[in-house]
């Protein structure tokens, strides 16, 4: 709503043999700048745990 956008995601990464490698969680906050029609600015944070 308005000029802000919040996106979150959860994921899992697997190695080439199909074994579970790590989990991942990410969040991203974006803002639309009204004086630039096609520009968005994002700040991202991502964390993962290595197994």
N, C-alpha and C. Protein backbone atom coordinates (compact mmCIF):
# COMPACT_ATOMS: atom_id res chain seq x y z
N UNK A 1 0.84 -1.18 0.00
CA UNK A 1 0.00 0.00 0.00
C UNK A 1 0.88 1.25 0.00
N UNK A 2 0.50 2.20 -0.75
CA UNK A 2 1.28 3.43 -0.80
C UNK A 2 2.61 3.23 -1.46
N UNK A 3 3.62 3.99 -1.04
CA UNK A 3 4.92 3.91 -1.71
C UNK A 3 5.83 2.79 -1.20
N UNK A 4 5.38 1.99 -0.22
CA UNK A 4 6.24 0.97 0.38
C UNK A 4 5.84 -0.43 -0.04
N UNK A 5 6.83 -1.31 -0.08
CA UNK A 5 6.62 -2.72 -0.41
C UNK A 5 7.46 -3.55 0.55
N UNK A 6 6.85 -4.55 1.18
CA UNK A 6 7.56 -5.48 2.06
C UNK A 6 7.40 -6.88 1.49
N UNK A 7 8.53 -7.58 1.30
CA UNK A 7 8.53 -8.92 0.75
C UNK A 7 9.31 -9.83 1.69
N UNK A 8 8.78 -11.02 1.96
CA UNK A 8 9.50 -12.01 2.75
C UNK A 8 9.52 -13.33 1.99
N UNK A 9 10.53 -14.14 2.27
CA UNK A 9 10.60 -15.45 1.63
C UNK A 9 11.32 -16.44 2.53
N UNK A 10 10.95 -17.70 2.39
CA UNK A 10 11.60 -18.82 3.06
C UNK A 10 12.00 -19.81 1.99
N UNK A 11 13.14 -20.47 2.18
CA UNK A 11 13.57 -21.42 1.16
C UNK A 11 14.49 -22.48 1.73
N UNK A 12 14.76 -23.46 0.91
CA UNK A 12 15.67 -24.54 1.25
C UNK A 12 16.58 -24.78 0.06
N UNK A 13 17.86 -24.96 0.31
CA UNK A 13 18.82 -25.24 -0.73
C UNK A 13 19.29 -26.68 -0.63
N UNK A 14 19.43 -27.31 -1.78
CA UNK A 14 19.86 -28.71 -1.85
C UNK A 14 21.13 -28.80 -2.69
N UNK A 15 22.01 -29.76 -2.36
CA UNK A 15 23.21 -29.94 -3.17
C UNK A 15 22.87 -30.74 -4.42
N UNK A 16 23.85 -30.95 -5.28
CA UNK A 16 23.60 -31.58 -6.58
C UNK A 16 23.17 -33.04 -6.47
N UNK A 17 23.38 -33.68 -5.30
CA UNK A 17 22.93 -35.06 -5.08
C UNK A 17 21.53 -35.12 -4.50
N UNK A 18 20.95 -33.97 -4.21
CA UNK A 18 19.60 -33.92 -3.67
C UNK A 18 19.54 -33.93 -2.14
N UNK A 19 20.69 -33.83 -1.48
CA UNK A 19 20.71 -33.78 -0.02
C UNK A 19 20.47 -32.34 0.44
N UNK A 20 19.76 -32.19 1.55
CA UNK A 20 19.48 -30.87 2.11
C UNK A 20 20.78 -30.18 2.48
N UNK A 21 20.98 -28.94 2.06
CA UNK A 21 22.21 -28.21 2.35
C UNK A 21 21.99 -27.14 3.41
N UNK A 22 20.98 -26.27 3.23
CA UNK A 22 20.76 -25.16 4.18
C UNK A 22 19.36 -24.58 4.01
N UNK A 23 18.86 -23.99 5.05
CA UNK A 23 17.60 -23.24 4.99
C UNK A 23 17.91 -21.76 4.84
N UNK A 24 16.94 -21.01 4.37
CA UNK A 24 17.18 -19.59 4.14
C UNK A 24 15.91 -18.80 4.44
N UNK A 25 16.07 -17.62 5.03
CA UNK A 25 14.97 -16.69 5.27
C UNK A 25 15.43 -15.30 4.84
N UNK A 26 14.53 -14.56 4.18
CA UNK A 26 14.91 -13.23 3.69
C UNK A 26 13.74 -12.27 3.85
N UNK A 27 14.07 -11.00 4.02
CA UNK A 27 13.08 -9.92 4.07
C UNK A 27 13.61 -8.75 3.26
N UNK A 28 12.70 -8.06 2.58
CA UNK A 28 13.10 -6.93 1.73
C UNK A 28 12.08 -5.81 1.88
N UNK A 29 12.56 -4.61 2.05
CA UNK A 29 11.73 -3.42 2.15
C UNK A 29 12.04 -2.54 0.95
N UNK A 30 11.02 -2.15 0.22
CA UNK A 30 11.21 -1.31 -0.95
C UNK A 30 10.40 -0.03 -0.85
N UNK A 31 10.89 1.00 -1.51
CA UNK A 31 10.16 2.27 -1.55
C UNK A 31 10.13 2.74 -3.01
N UNK A 32 8.96 3.18 -3.44
CA UNK A 32 8.78 3.75 -4.77
C UNK A 32 8.99 5.25 -4.67
N UNK A 33 9.85 5.79 -5.50
CA UNK A 33 10.10 7.23 -5.50
C UNK A 33 9.18 7.89 -6.53
N UNK A 34 8.30 8.78 -6.12
CA UNK A 34 7.30 9.33 -7.03
C UNK A 34 7.88 10.16 -8.16
N UNK A 35 9.08 10.71 -8.01
CA UNK A 35 9.66 11.54 -9.07
C UNK A 35 10.45 10.71 -10.07
N UNK A 36 10.61 9.37 -9.84
CA UNK A 36 11.18 8.43 -10.82
C UNK A 36 10.13 7.37 -11.08
N UNK A 37 9.61 7.29 -12.28
CA UNK A 37 8.50 6.37 -12.58
C UNK A 37 8.92 4.90 -12.54
N UNK A 38 10.17 4.58 -12.89
CA UNK A 38 10.58 3.19 -13.00
C UNK A 38 11.70 2.83 -12.04
N UNK A 39 11.81 3.52 -10.92
CA UNK A 39 12.89 3.27 -9.97
C UNK A 39 12.31 2.86 -8.63
N UNK A 40 12.83 1.76 -8.08
CA UNK A 40 12.50 1.33 -6.72
C UNK A 40 13.82 1.16 -5.98
N UNK A 41 13.84 1.50 -4.72
CA UNK A 41 15.03 1.32 -3.89
C UNK A 41 14.71 0.25 -2.86
N UNK A 42 15.59 -0.74 -2.73
CA UNK A 42 15.37 -1.85 -1.81
C UNK A 42 16.48 -1.94 -0.78
N UNK A 43 16.12 -2.40 0.41
CA UNK A 43 17.07 -2.81 1.44
C UNK A 43 16.73 -4.26 1.76
N UNK A 44 17.73 -5.14 1.70
CA UNK A 44 17.48 -6.58 1.88
C UNK A 44 18.27 -7.12 3.05
N UNK A 45 17.71 -8.15 3.67
CA UNK A 45 18.40 -8.90 4.72
C UNK A 45 18.13 -10.37 4.46
N UNK A 46 19.19 -11.17 4.48
CA UNK A 46 19.05 -12.59 4.22
C UNK A 46 19.89 -13.34 5.24
N UNK A 47 19.39 -14.44 5.75
CA UNK A 47 20.14 -15.26 6.68
C UNK A 47 19.98 -16.72 6.27
N UNK A 48 21.01 -17.51 6.48
CA UNK A 48 20.94 -18.93 6.19
C UNK A 48 21.76 -19.69 7.22
N UNK A 49 21.45 -20.96 7.37
CA UNK A 49 22.19 -21.79 8.31
C UNK A 49 22.82 -22.95 7.53
N UNK A 50 24.10 -23.16 7.71
CA UNK A 50 24.80 -24.23 7.01
C UNK A 50 24.73 -25.50 7.86
N UNK A 51 24.33 -26.59 7.23
CA UNK A 51 24.20 -27.87 7.93
C UNK A 51 25.40 -28.72 7.60
